Protein backbone atom coordinates (compact mmCIF):
# COMPACT_ATOMS: atom_id res chain seq x y z
CA MET A 1 -0.06 0.02 0.19
CA SER A 2 1.04 3.56 -0.63
CA GLU A 3 -0.74 4.77 2.61
CA ASN A 4 0.21 4.70 6.22
CA LEU A 5 -1.94 5.08 9.13
CA ILE A 6 -0.55 8.45 11.14
CA TRP A 7 -3.50 9.14 13.52
CA SER A 8 -6.67 7.30 14.93
CA GLY A 9 -9.03 8.63 17.35
CA LYS A 10 -12.29 10.03 18.32
CA VAL A 11 -14.07 13.18 17.51
CA ASP A 12 -16.54 14.19 20.40
CA ALA A 13 -19.85 15.81 19.13
CA LYS A 14 -19.89 17.83 22.45
CA ASN A 15 -16.45 19.41 22.03
CA ALA A 16 -16.79 22.66 20.23
CA GLU A 17 -12.89 22.82 19.91
CA GLY A 18 -12.58 19.67 17.91
CA THR A 19 -9.65 17.23 18.39
CA ASN A 20 -6.19 18.36 17.45
CA THR A 21 -4.58 15.39 15.99
CA GLY A 22 -1.03 16.84 16.44
CA ILE A 23 -0.31 16.22 12.64
CA ALA A 24 1.76 18.80 11.13
CA LEU A 25 0.83 18.87 7.31
CA LYS A 26 2.52 20.75 4.30
CA ALA A 27 0.59 22.10 1.39
CA GLY A 28 0.50 19.37 -1.26
CA GLU A 29 0.79 16.46 0.81
CA ILE A 30 -1.87 13.62 0.00
CA ILE A 31 -3.81 12.14 2.88
CA THR A 32 -6.94 10.13 3.31
CA ILE A 33 -9.39 10.40 6.11
CA LEU A 34 -11.81 7.79 6.74
CA ALA A 35 -14.76 8.22 9.37
CA SER A 36 -17.64 6.19 11.05
CA GLY A 37 -20.01 6.33 13.84
CA TRP A 38 -23.10 8.19 14.93
CA ALA A 39 -23.76 11.30 16.91
CA ARG A 40 -26.90 13.30 17.92
CA ASN A 41 -27.28 16.91 17.12
CA GLY A 42 -29.16 18.53 19.73
CA SER A 43 -31.33 17.20 22.55
CA GLU A 44 -33.90 15.60 20.30
CA ASN A 45 -33.42 11.81 20.05
CA PHE A 46 -34.22 11.65 16.21
CA ALA A 47 -31.72 14.19 15.12
CA LEU A 48 -29.06 11.68 14.38
CA THR A 49 -26.20 12.36 12.30
CA ALA A 50 -23.43 10.50 10.65
CA PRO A 51 -20.07 11.74 9.62
CA GLN A 52 -21.52 12.63 6.06
CA GLY A 53 -24.23 14.83 7.76
CA ARG A 54 -27.90 14.75 9.26
CA ILE A 55 -30.12 11.92 8.46
CA PRO A 56 -33.19 13.06 6.98
CA ARG A 57 -36.55 12.29 9.10
CA GLU A 58 -39.26 10.39 7.30
CA GLY A 59 -40.77 12.43 4.42
CA GLU A 60 -37.91 15.00 4.59
CA THR A 61 -35.80 15.82 1.57
CA LEU A 62 -32.46 17.37 2.38
CA THR A 63 -31.43 19.28 -0.76
CA LEU A 64 -28.26 20.28 0.97
CA ARG A 65 -26.36 18.17 3.38
CA ASN A 66 -23.34 19.72 4.99
CA PRO A 67 -20.85 16.92 6.44
CA SER A 68 -21.03 17.09 10.26
CA LEU A 69 -17.29 16.04 10.22
CA GLN A 70 -14.95 18.59 9.24
CA ALA A 71 -11.22 19.35 9.31
CA ARG A 72 -9.37 22.75 10.27
CA LEU A 73 -5.97 23.83 9.05
CA GLY A 74 -5.04 27.21 10.44
CA ASN A 75 -8.36 29.35 10.36
CA GLU A 76 -9.89 27.50 7.44
CA ASN A 77 -12.46 24.72 7.79
CA TYR A 78 -12.92 21.84 5.18
CA PRO A 79 -15.59 19.39 4.79
CA VAL A 80 -14.58 15.82 5.31
CA GLY A 81 -17.82 13.67 5.85
CA ASN A 82 -17.56 9.91 5.76
CA HIS A 83 -14.23 10.00 3.93
CA LYS A 84 -11.95 12.48 2.27
CA TYR A 85 -10.05 10.21 -0.22
CA ARG A 86 -6.52 11.07 -1.43
CA TRP A 87 -7.03 14.71 -0.43
CA SER A 88 -4.25 17.14 -1.58
CA VAL A 89 -3.81 19.37 1.68
CA PRO A 90 -4.55 23.09 0.70
CA ALA A 91 -2.39 24.73 3.16
CA GLU A 92 0.32 24.17 5.71
CA GLY A 93 -0.87 23.77 9.39
CA THR A 94 -1.77 21.09 12.28
CA LEU A 95 -5.06 18.95 11.41
CA THR A 96 -8.00 19.52 13.78
CA LEU A 97 -10.99 17.44 13.41
CA PHE A 98 -14.24 18.58 14.72
CA PHE A 99 -18.06 18.17 14.75
CA ALA A 100 -19.82 21.14 12.88
CA ASP A 101 -22.55 22.90 14.93
CA GLY A 102 -23.59 26.30 15.52
CA LYS A 103 -21.65 28.46 18.18
CA ASP A 104 -23.10 27.52 21.50
CA GLN A 105 -25.08 24.66 20.24
CA TYR A 106 -22.77 21.99 21.38
CA LYS A 107 -23.74 21.22 25.08
CA ASP A 108 -26.79 19.20 24.06
CA ASN A 109 -24.84 17.15 21.55
CA ALA A 110 -24.05 13.46 22.24
CA GLY A 111 -21.99 10.69 20.61
CA GLU A 112 -18.65 10.42 18.81
CA PHE A 113 -17.00 9.62 15.28
CA SER A 114 -14.13 7.25 14.93
CA VAL A 115 -11.56 8.58 12.58
CA GLU A 116 -8.37 7.24 10.96
CA VAL A 117 -6.04 9.48 8.91
CA TYR A 118 -3.41 8.06 6.35
CA ARG A 119 -0.56 9.77 4.72
CA GLU A 120 0.43 8.66 1.42
CA ALA A 121 4.02 7.53 0.85
CA ASP A 122 5.87 9.32 -2.02
CA ILE A 123 6.22 6.22 -4.28
CA SER A 124 8.00 8.37 -6.96
CA VAL A 125 11.16 8.70 -4.80
CA ALA A 126 13.17 5.71 -4.45
CA ALA A 127 14.67 4.66 -1.26
CA PRO A 128 18.45 5.68 -1.15
CA ALA A 129 20.98 2.80 -1.84
CA PRO A 130 22.53 1.44 1.36
CA PHE A 131 25.96 2.94 1.76
CA GLU A 132 29.16 0.60 1.50
CA ASP A 133 32.89 1.40 0.83
CA LEU A 134 34.91 -1.82 0.25
CA THR A 135 38.50 -1.97 0.03
CA ASN A 136 39.92 -5.52 -0.73
CA PHE A 137 43.06 -4.39 -2.73
CA GLU A 138 42.14 -6.20 -5.76
CA ARG A 139 44.02 -5.16 -8.88
CA ASP A 140 46.20 -3.10 -6.49
CA ASN A 141 43.57 -0.70 -5.76
CA TRP A 142 44.17 0.94 -2.37
CA ASN A 143 40.69 2.77 -2.85
CA ASN A 144 42.36 5.99 -1.32
CA TRP A 145 43.93 4.55 1.83
CA GLN A 146 47.28 5.49 2.44
CA ALA A 147 50.03 4.78 5.02
CA GLY A 148 49.69 6.76 8.22
CA PRO A 149 52.87 8.26 10.38
CA ALA A 150 53.61 4.72 11.70
CA GLY A 151 52.66 2.77 8.56
CA HIS A 152 56.26 2.05 7.61
CA ASP A 153 57.32 0.18 4.38
CA LEU A 154 53.65 -1.01 3.35
CA TYR A 155 53.18 -3.25 0.47
CA LEU A 156 50.75 -5.56 -1.23
CA VAL A 157 51.01 -9.27 -1.28
CA ASP A 158 49.27 -12.34 -2.34
CA ALA A 159 48.39 -14.79 0.44
CA SER A 160 45.64 -16.68 -0.80
CA THR A 161 44.13 -13.36 -1.21
CA ARG A 162 45.39 -9.82 -1.96
CA ALA A 163 46.40 -7.92 1.42
CA VAL A 164 48.41 -5.29 2.48
CA GLU A 165 51.32 -6.46 4.80
CA PHE A 166 52.93 -4.59 7.59
CA ILE A 167 56.30 -5.91 8.53
CA THR A 168 58.20 -4.10 11.27
CA ARG A 169 61.56 -2.50 10.80
CA PRO A 170 64.35 -2.09 13.41
CA ASN A 171 64.77 1.49 14.91
CA LYS A 172 61.40 2.43 13.87
CA ASN A 173 58.05 3.50 15.90
CA HIS A 174 55.34 1.19 14.90
CA ALA A 175 52.89 2.47 17.23
CA GLY A 176 49.99 5.05 16.01
CA GLU A 177 48.12 5.33 12.84
CA ILE A 178 49.36 2.95 10.15
CA LEU A 179 46.70 3.30 7.72
CA LYS A 180 44.45 6.11 7.26
CA LYS A 181 41.68 7.38 4.79
CA THR A 182 39.34 10.42 4.23
CA LEU A 183 35.80 8.70 3.84
CA THR A 184 33.51 10.75 1.80
CA GLY A 185 29.81 10.55 0.77
CA LEU A 186 28.35 10.23 4.35
CA THR A 187 25.14 11.40 5.85
CA ALA A 188 25.56 13.70 9.00
CA GLY A 189 24.06 11.77 11.99
CA HIS A 190 23.92 8.56 10.53
CA GLU A 191 25.62 5.56 11.99
CA TYR A 192 28.09 3.42 10.12
CA THR A 193 29.76 0.11 10.80
CA TRP A 194 33.41 -0.29 9.98
CA THR A 195 34.93 -3.87 9.85
CA VAL A 196 38.51 -4.93 9.04
CA LYS A 197 39.84 -8.49 8.32
CA ILE A 198 43.25 -8.73 9.88
CA ALA A 199 45.90 -11.67 10.54
CA ARG A 200 48.82 -11.76 12.47
CA ILE A 201 51.85 -13.21 10.46
CA ILE A 202 55.23 -15.08 11.38
CA GLY A 203 53.75 -15.56 15.05
CA LYS A 204 57.20 -14.68 16.85
CA TYR A 205 57.76 -12.31 19.51
CA GLU A 206 55.53 -9.39 20.47
CA ALA A 207 51.94 -9.79 19.37
CA PRO A 208 50.15 -6.89 17.43
CA LYS A 209 47.35 -4.89 19.00
CA VAL A 210 45.33 -2.98 16.60
CA SER A 211 42.11 -0.76 16.90
CA LEU A 212 39.91 1.55 14.79
CA ARG A 213 39.65 5.37 14.96
CA ALA A 214 37.07 7.94 13.51
CA ASP A 215 37.53 11.61 13.59
CA GLY A 216 40.03 11.07 16.25
CA LYS A 217 37.93 8.93 18.68
CA ASP A 218 38.41 5.40 19.25
CA VAL A 219 35.56 3.36 17.68
CA SER A 220 36.85 -0.24 18.71
CA ALA A 221 39.06 -1.52 21.65
CA PRO A 222 42.54 -2.77 20.74
CA LEU A 223 42.43 -6.27 19.47
CA GLU A 224 45.34 -8.59 20.23
CA LEU A 225 46.32 -10.70 17.27
CA LYS A 226 47.38 -13.86 19.03
CA GLN A 227 47.30 -16.71 16.41
CA ALA A 228 49.62 -16.56 13.21
CA ASN A 229 47.63 -17.01 9.83
CA GLU A 230 44.16 -16.64 11.47
CA TRP A 231 42.01 -14.07 10.00
CA VAL A 232 39.77 -12.16 12.53
CA THR A 233 37.54 -9.28 12.13
CA LEU A 234 37.98 -6.19 13.93
CA SER A 235 34.74 -4.02 13.94
CA GLY A 236 33.65 -0.53 15.44
CA LYS A 237 30.72 1.84 14.76
CA PHE A 238 30.89 5.47 14.42
CA LYS A 239 28.18 8.41 13.80
CA ALA A 240 29.08 10.86 10.67
CA THR A 241 29.46 14.38 11.94
CA GLY A 242 29.13 15.62 8.19
CA SER A 243 29.75 14.34 4.79
CA GLN A 244 33.06 13.12 5.46
CA ALA A 245 35.11 11.18 8.22
CA GLU A 246 38.84 10.80 8.86
CA LEU A 247 39.50 6.83 9.33
CA ALA A 248 42.49 5.48 10.88
CA VAL A 249 43.78 1.93 11.55
CA VAL A 250 45.87 2.11 14.77
CA SER A 251 48.67 0.22 16.20
CA HIS A 252 49.13 0.15 19.78
CA VAL A 253 52.60 -1.83 19.93
CA SER A 254 55.79 -0.01 19.13
CA ALA A 255 58.02 -3.22 19.05
CA SER A 256 59.89 -4.11 16.05
CA MET A 257 60.55 -7.52 17.04
CA GLY A 258 57.38 -9.21 16.07
CA ASN A 259 54.36 -7.13 15.65
CA ASP A 260 53.63 -7.98 12.01
CA PHE A 261 50.29 -8.47 10.38
CA ARG A 262 48.31 -8.21 7.19
CA ILE A 263 45.02 -6.61 6.21
CA LYS A 264 43.04 -7.93 3.30
CA GLU A 265 39.44 -6.08 3.52
CA LEU A 266 38.28 -2.86 4.92
CA LYS A 267 34.50 -2.29 4.92
CA ILE A 268 32.42 0.62 5.88
CA LYS A 269 28.38 0.17 5.80
CA GLY A 270 25.73 2.33 6.76
């Protein structure tokens, strides 16, 4: 269906102010209003009225029937009746539904109408495609990732799959940002999931510890890579503050003895 229920409730025939639905509408929006029920207009038992208007008494012909259920937007009133199908809202405002009667005539009324309001979805606008930024180093494509201050001597290798390798070298500090990227195309306020597939290599001496950082904030705890040649997934989440974010893979071990690993995939989804 192209319509969604956005409000349902009662409209009391005794309430001169009507029922404020709290729905803020814009001019041109398409809504449908459906109503049912009976009310009594005045103290006479035979003066029954439906949302569409008063029921004529036997032998009576109503040449003009004014709907008893009406809508108000701002200072303007609009007839509703039993239904108002695919109504193009004429003006901006908050929707109020009310029982139509003369001034100071509400106290003797009784009954209520049950009303549902539907907003038509804009089916002409396709849902935005999910965001995904995937780097797997196929065809030597780094997808704008580059070495950070601690990313010394990075190079690509074939190890059952294409991967970037971090081999530590003597007399160099290997703690800090080793791989970084400015990620673009984000939506401010939206949450993104970032995963990295990573494996320790060689397996001697000190084990690597690696975490993820977005816009200078840690988005994962440091993960210790204990087992050599075992691919594990490091993951974290971050909320975009604008259309781009500064991402970094961070090493927490400065040692050049051991501390060797590979990364074969970096993926951001949201």
